[in-house]
Amino acid sequence: MAYDLPFLDHSTQRRLNRQVSGLSRDAGHITDLLARFTANAGREAQHYGHDLADDAWQTGRVAAKAIGKQAVRAGRAVGRDPVPAVIAVAGLACLLTLVASSGRSSRRRR
């Protein structure tokens, strides 16, 4: 890169051209380093994401197994004595009705 700057003497212009060329090379190196850093960060993020998905899968499998066992126990208990289950369902229905009706009455007051 050669710039003709008439207000500078020849040696100063050459020195300035060398500095600008050096800055241009340094900027190119920085761009290369950033590209490598970005590629490495992407690979690491993919690795951590894969590990996280594996852990979530394992945890979900364990939780599903535990919930299944509890459902079997609850089914056996309801089979032996269904009255507590009927009372619980009726109580839940009453609670939901109260919650739903209190929401409607508070909207009417406004």
N, C-alpha and C. Protein backbone atom coordinates (compact mmCIF):
# COMPACT_ATOMS: atom_id res chain seq x y z
N MET A 1 0.84 -1.17 0.00
CA MET A 1 0.00 0.00 0.00
C MET A 1 0.89 1.23 0.00
N ALA A 2 0.72 2.03 -0.96
CA ALA A 2 1.52 3.25 -1.01
C ALA A 2 0.58 4.45 -1.07
N TYR A 3 0.77 5.35 -0.14
CA TYR A 3 -0.02 6.57 -0.09
C TYR A 3 0.90 7.72 -0.38
N ASP A 4 0.46 8.65 -1.19
CA ASP A 4 1.27 9.82 -1.48
C ASP A 4 0.74 10.97 -0.63
N LEU A 5 1.47 11.28 0.40
CA LEU A 5 1.08 12.35 1.30
C LEU A 5 2.12 13.47 1.15
N PRO A 6 1.79 14.52 0.40
CA PRO A 6 2.78 15.56 0.09
C PRO A 6 3.29 16.33 1.30
N PHE A 7 2.56 16.37 2.38
CA PHE A 7 2.98 17.13 3.56
C PHE A 7 3.97 16.35 4.41
N LEU A 8 4.26 15.06 4.06
CA LEU A 8 5.24 14.26 4.79
C LEU A 8 6.43 14.00 3.90
N ASP A 9 7.60 13.94 4.52
CA ASP A 9 8.77 13.61 3.71
C ASP A 9 8.76 12.13 3.34
N HIS A 10 9.64 11.73 2.43
CA HIS A 10 9.65 10.38 1.87
C HIS A 10 9.87 9.29 2.93
N SER A 11 10.79 9.48 3.85
CA SER A 11 11.06 8.45 4.86
C SER A 11 9.90 8.30 5.84
N THR A 12 9.25 9.39 6.16
CA THR A 12 8.10 9.32 7.04
C THR A 12 6.94 8.59 6.35
N GLN A 13 6.76 8.84 5.05
CA GLN A 13 5.72 8.13 4.30
C GLN A 13 6.00 6.63 4.26
N ARG A 14 7.27 6.24 4.04
CA ARG A 14 7.62 4.82 4.01
C ARG A 14 7.37 4.17 5.37
N ARG A 15 7.76 4.87 6.42
CA ARG A 15 7.55 4.35 7.77
C ARG A 15 6.04 4.20 8.06
N LEU A 16 5.25 5.17 7.66
CA LEU A 16 3.81 5.12 7.84
C LEU A 16 3.21 3.97 7.03
N ASN A 17 3.67 3.77 5.81
CA ASN A 17 3.19 2.66 4.99
C ASN A 17 3.52 1.31 5.64
N ARG A 18 4.72 1.18 6.21
CA ARG A 18 5.09 -0.07 6.88
C ARG A 18 4.20 -0.29 8.10
N GLN A 19 3.92 0.76 8.84
CA GLN A 19 3.06 0.62 10.02
C GLN A 19 1.63 0.22 9.62
N VAL A 20 1.11 0.83 8.57
CA VAL A 20 -0.23 0.48 8.11
C VAL A 20 -0.26 -0.96 7.62
N SER A 21 0.77 -1.40 6.92
CA SER A 21 0.85 -2.78 6.46
C SER A 21 0.93 -3.74 7.64
N GLY A 22 1.71 -3.39 8.65
CA GLY A 22 1.80 -4.22 9.85
C GLY A 22 0.47 -4.32 10.57
N LEU A 23 -0.23 -3.20 10.67
CA LEU A 23 -1.56 -3.23 11.30
C LEU A 23 -2.53 -4.10 10.50
N SER A 24 -2.43 -4.05 9.20
CA SER A 24 -3.29 -4.87 8.35
C SER A 24 -3.01 -6.35 8.58
N ARG A 25 -1.73 -6.73 8.66
CA ARG A 25 -1.37 -8.13 8.94
C ARG A 25 -1.87 -8.55 10.31
N ASP A 26 -1.70 -7.68 11.31
CA ASP A 26 -2.16 -7.99 12.66
C ASP A 26 -3.68 -8.18 12.69
N ALA A 27 -4.40 -7.36 11.96
CA ALA A 27 -5.86 -7.50 11.91
C ALA A 27 -6.23 -8.84 11.27
N GLY A 28 -5.50 -9.26 10.27
CA GLY A 28 -5.75 -10.56 9.66
C GLY A 28 -5.51 -11.69 10.63
N HIS A 29 -4.43 -11.58 11.44
CA HIS A 29 -4.15 -12.60 12.44
C HIS A 29 -5.25 -12.65 13.50
N ILE A 30 -5.72 -11.49 13.91
CA ILE A 30 -6.79 -11.44 14.92
C ILE A 30 -8.05 -12.11 14.38
N THR A 31 -8.35 -11.86 13.10
CA THR A 31 -9.52 -12.49 12.49
C THR A 31 -9.37 -14.01 12.49
N ASP A 32 -8.18 -14.50 12.15
CA ASP A 32 -7.94 -15.95 12.16
C ASP A 32 -8.09 -16.52 13.56
N LEU A 33 -7.53 -15.83 14.55
CA LEU A 33 -7.64 -16.30 15.94
C LEU A 33 -9.09 -16.33 16.41
N LEU A 34 -9.85 -15.30 16.06
CA LEU A 34 -11.26 -15.27 16.45
C LEU A 34 -12.04 -16.39 15.78
N ALA A 35 -11.72 -16.71 14.54
CA ALA A 35 -12.41 -17.81 13.85
C ALA A 35 -12.11 -19.13 14.54
N ARG A 36 -10.85 -19.35 14.92
CA ARG A 36 -10.49 -20.58 15.62
C ARG A 36 -11.17 -20.65 16.99
N PHE A 37 -11.16 -19.53 17.70
CA PHE A 37 -11.80 -19.48 19.02
C PHE A 37 -13.29 -19.79 18.91
N THR A 38 -13.95 -19.22 17.92
CA THR A 38 -15.37 -19.44 17.73
C THR A 38 -15.65 -20.91 17.40
N ALA A 39 -14.82 -21.51 16.56
CA ALA A 39 -15.00 -22.92 16.22
C ALA A 39 -14.83 -23.80 17.45
N ASN A 40 -13.82 -23.51 18.26
CA ASN A 40 -13.60 -24.29 19.49
C ASN A 40 -14.75 -24.12 20.48
N ALA A 41 -15.24 -22.89 20.62
CA ALA A 41 -16.35 -22.64 21.53
C ALA A 41 -17.60 -23.38 21.05
N GLY A 42 -17.82 -23.42 19.76
CA GLY A 42 -18.96 -24.16 19.22
C GLY A 42 -18.86 -25.64 19.50
N ARG A 43 -17.67 -26.21 19.34
CA ARG A 43 -17.49 -27.63 19.63
C ARG A 43 -17.72 -27.92 21.11
N GLU A 44 -17.22 -27.06 21.97
CA GLU A 44 -17.42 -27.27 23.41
C GLU A 44 -18.90 -27.14 23.79
N ALA A 45 -19.58 -26.15 23.22
CA ALA A 45 -21.01 -25.98 23.51
C ALA A 45 -21.80 -27.21 23.05
N GLN A 46 -21.43 -27.75 21.90
CA GLN A 46 -22.10 -28.95 21.42
C GLN A 46 -21.85 -30.12 22.36
N HIS A 47 -20.62 -30.24 22.83
CA HIS A 47 -20.26 -31.32 23.77
C HIS A 47 -21.07 -31.19 25.07
N TYR A 48 -21.11 -29.98 25.63
CA TYR A 48 -21.85 -29.78 26.88
C TYR A 48 -23.35 -29.98 26.67
N GLY A 49 -23.86 -29.54 25.53
CA GLY A 49 -25.27 -29.75 25.23
C GLY A 49 -25.62 -31.23 25.13
N HIS A 50 -24.73 -32.00 24.53
CA HIS A 50 -24.95 -33.44 24.42
C HIS A 50 -24.95 -34.08 25.81
N ASP A 51 -24.00 -33.69 26.65
CA ASP A 51 -23.95 -34.23 28.02
C ASP A 51 -25.21 -33.86 28.80
N LEU A 52 -25.66 -32.62 28.65
CA LEU A 52 -26.87 -32.17 29.34
C LEU A 52 -28.09 -32.96 28.88
N ALA A 53 -28.19 -33.20 27.57
CA ALA A 53 -29.32 -33.98 27.05
C ALA A 53 -29.27 -35.41 27.57
N ASP A 54 -28.08 -36.00 27.65
CA ASP A 54 -27.96 -37.36 28.19
C ASP A 54 -28.40 -37.41 29.65
N ASP A 55 -27.97 -36.42 30.43
CA ASP A 55 -28.37 -36.37 31.85
C ASP A 55 -29.88 -36.20 31.98
N ALA A 56 -30.46 -35.33 31.16
CA ALA A 56 -31.91 -35.11 31.23
C ALA A 56 -32.66 -36.39 30.84
N TRP A 57 -32.16 -37.09 29.84
CA TRP A 57 -32.79 -38.34 29.42
C TRP A 57 -32.75 -39.36 30.55
N GLN A 58 -31.59 -39.48 31.18
CA GLN A 58 -31.43 -40.45 32.28
C GLN A 58 -32.35 -40.08 33.45
N THR A 59 -32.38 -38.80 33.81
CA THR A 59 -33.23 -38.34 34.91
C THR A 59 -34.70 -38.58 34.59
N GLY A 60 -35.10 -38.31 33.37
CA GLY A 60 -36.49 -38.54 32.97
C GLY A 60 -36.85 -40.01 33.03
N ARG A 61 -35.93 -40.86 32.63
CA ARG A 61 -36.18 -42.30 32.67
C ARG A 61 -36.37 -42.78 34.11
N VAL A 62 -35.51 -42.29 35.01
CA VAL A 62 -35.61 -42.67 36.42
C VAL A 62 -36.92 -42.15 37.01
N ALA A 63 -37.27 -40.91 36.70
CA ALA A 63 -38.51 -40.33 37.23
C ALA A 63 -39.73 -41.09 36.70
N ALA A 64 -39.73 -41.44 35.43
CA ALA A 64 -40.86 -42.18 34.87
C ALA A 64 -41.00 -43.54 35.54
N LYS A 65 -39.89 -44.17 35.83
CA LYS A 65 -39.94 -45.48 36.50
C LYS A 65 -40.54 -45.33 37.91
N ALA A 66 -40.11 -44.29 38.64
CA ALA A 66 -40.62 -44.06 40.00
C ALA A 66 -42.11 -43.72 39.96
N ILE A 67 -42.52 -42.90 39.00
CA ILE A 67 -43.93 -42.54 38.88
C ILE A 67 -44.76 -43.77 38.53
N GLY A 68 -44.24 -44.62 37.69
CA GLY A 68 -44.94 -45.85 37.34
C GLY A 68 -45.16 -46.74 38.55
N LYS A 69 -44.13 -46.87 39.38
CA LYS A 69 -44.27 -47.68 40.61
C LYS A 69 -45.34 -47.10 41.53
N GLN A 70 -45.32 -45.76 41.68
CA GLN A 70 -46.31 -45.11 42.53
C GLN A 70 -47.72 -45.29 41.96
N ALA A 71 -47.86 -45.23 40.65
CA ALA A 71 -49.19 -45.41 40.03
C ALA A 71 -49.71 -46.83 40.27
N VAL A 72 -48.83 -47.82 40.20
CA VAL A 72 -49.23 -49.20 40.46
C VAL A 72 -49.69 -49.34 41.91
N ARG A 73 -48.92 -48.77 42.84
CA ARG A 73 -49.30 -48.82 44.26
C ARG A 73 -50.65 -48.15 44.49
N ALA A 74 -50.82 -46.98 43.87
CA ALA A 74 -52.08 -46.24 44.04
C ALA A 74 -53.24 -47.03 43.45
N GLY A 75 -53.01 -47.66 42.32
CA GLY A 75 -54.06 -48.48 41.71
C GLY A 75 -54.47 -49.64 42.59
N ARG A 76 -53.49 -50.27 43.21
CA ARG A 76 -53.80 -51.38 44.13
C ARG A 76 -54.58 -50.87 45.35
N ALA A 77 -54.16 -49.71 45.87
CA ALA A 77 -54.85 -49.16 47.04
C ALA A 77 -56.29 -48.80 46.72
N VAL A 78 -56.51 -48.19 45.55
CA VAL A 78 -57.87 -47.83 45.15
C VAL A 78 -58.68 -49.10 44.91
N GLY A 79 -58.06 -50.14 44.40
CA GLY A 79 -58.77 -51.41 44.19
C GLY A 79 -59.22 -52.03 45.50
N ARG A 80 -58.40 -51.88 46.54
CA ARG A 80 -58.76 -52.43 47.84
C ARG A 80 -59.83 -51.60 48.53
N ASP A 81 -59.70 -50.25 48.45
CA ASP A 81 -60.65 -49.37 49.14
C ASP A 81 -60.81 -48.09 48.31
N PRO A 82 -61.84 -47.97 47.47
CA PRO A 82 -61.98 -46.81 46.58
C PRO A 82 -62.55 -45.57 47.27
N VAL A 83 -63.04 -45.67 48.48
CA VAL A 83 -63.67 -44.51 49.14
C VAL A 83 -62.70 -43.33 49.31
N PRO A 84 -61.47 -43.50 49.79
CA PRO A 84 -60.58 -42.34 49.90
C PRO A 84 -60.31 -41.66 48.55
N ALA A 85 -60.21 -42.43 47.48
CA ALA A 85 -59.99 -41.83 46.17
C ALA A 85 -61.19 -41.02 45.73
N VAL A 86 -62.39 -41.52 45.96
CA VAL A 86 -63.61 -40.78 45.59
C VAL A 86 -63.69 -39.49 46.39
N ILE A 87 -63.39 -39.56 47.68
CA ILE A 87 -63.40 -38.35 48.53
C ILE A 87 -62.37 -37.34 48.04
N ALA A 88 -61.18 -37.81 47.66
CA ALA A 88 -60.14 -36.90 47.18
C ALA A 88 -60.56 -36.22 45.88
N VAL A 89 -61.16 -36.96 44.96
CA VAL A 89 -61.63 -36.38 43.70
C VAL A 89 -62.73 -35.36 43.95
N ALA A 90 -63.67 -35.69 44.84
CA ALA A 90 -64.74 -34.75 45.17
C ALA A 90 -64.19 -33.49 45.82
N GLY A 91 -63.21 -33.64 46.71
CA GLY A 91 -62.59 -32.47 47.35
C GLY A 91 -61.86 -31.60 46.34
N LEU A 92 -61.16 -32.22 45.41
CA LEU A 92 -60.46 -31.46 44.37
C LEU A 92 -61.45 -30.71 43.48
N ALA A 93 -62.58 -31.35 43.16
CA ALA A 93 -63.61 -30.69 42.35
C ALA A 93 -64.18 -29.48 43.08
N CYS A 94 -64.42 -29.61 44.37
CA CYS A 94 -64.93 -28.48 45.16
C CYS A 94 -63.91 -27.34 45.20
N LEU A 95 -62.66 -27.68 45.41
CA LEU A 95 -61.61 -26.66 45.45
C LEU A 95 -61.50 -25.93 44.12
N LEU A 96 -61.53 -26.66 43.02
CA LEU A 96 -61.47 -26.01 41.70
C LEU A 96 -62.66 -25.13 41.45
N THR A 97 -63.83 -25.54 41.90
CA THR A 97 -65.03 -24.72 41.74
C THR A 97 -64.91 -23.43 42.53
N LEU A 98 -64.41 -23.50 43.76
CA LEU A 98 -64.21 -22.29 44.56
C LEU A 98 -63.20 -21.35 43.92
N VAL A 99 -62.12 -21.89 43.43
CA VAL A 99 -61.09 -21.04 42.80
C VAL A 99 -61.63 -20.39 41.55
N ALA A 100 -62.34 -21.15 40.73
CA ALA A 100 -62.89 -20.60 39.49
C ALA A 100 -63.95 -19.55 39.77
N SER A 101 -64.80 -19.77 40.75
CA SER A 101 -65.86 -18.79 41.04
C SER A 101 -65.29 -17.54 41.70
N SER A 102 -64.24 -17.65 42.48
CA SER A 102 -63.67 -16.45 43.10
C SER A 102 -63.01 -15.57 42.05
N GLY A 103 -62.49 -16.15 40.99
CA GLY A 103 -61.91 -15.36 39.91
C GLY A 103 -62.95 -14.58 39.14
N ARG A 104 -64.11 -15.18 38.94
CA ARG A 104 -65.19 -14.50 38.21
C ARG A 104 -65.76 -13.36 39.04
N SER A 105 -65.94 -13.58 40.34
CA SER A 105 -66.54 -12.52 41.16
C SER A 105 -65.60 -11.34 41.33
N SER A 106 -64.30 -11.57 41.34
CA SER A 106 -63.37 -10.44 41.47
C SER A 106 -63.33 -9.63 40.18
N ARG A 107 -63.58 -10.25 39.04
CA ARG A 107 -63.61 -9.51 37.77
C ARG A 107 -64.87 -8.67 37.68
N ARG A 108 -65.97 -9.12 38.28
CA ARG A 108 -67.23 -8.36 38.22
C ARG A 108 -67.14 -7.11 39.07
N ARG A 109 -66.37 -7.14 40.15
CA ARG A 109 -66.27 -5.98 41.06
C ARG A 109 -65.54 -4.81 40.43
N ARG A 110 -64.74 -5.05 39.49
CA ARG A 110 -63.91 -3.96 38.92
C ARG A 110 -64.69 -3.05 38.06
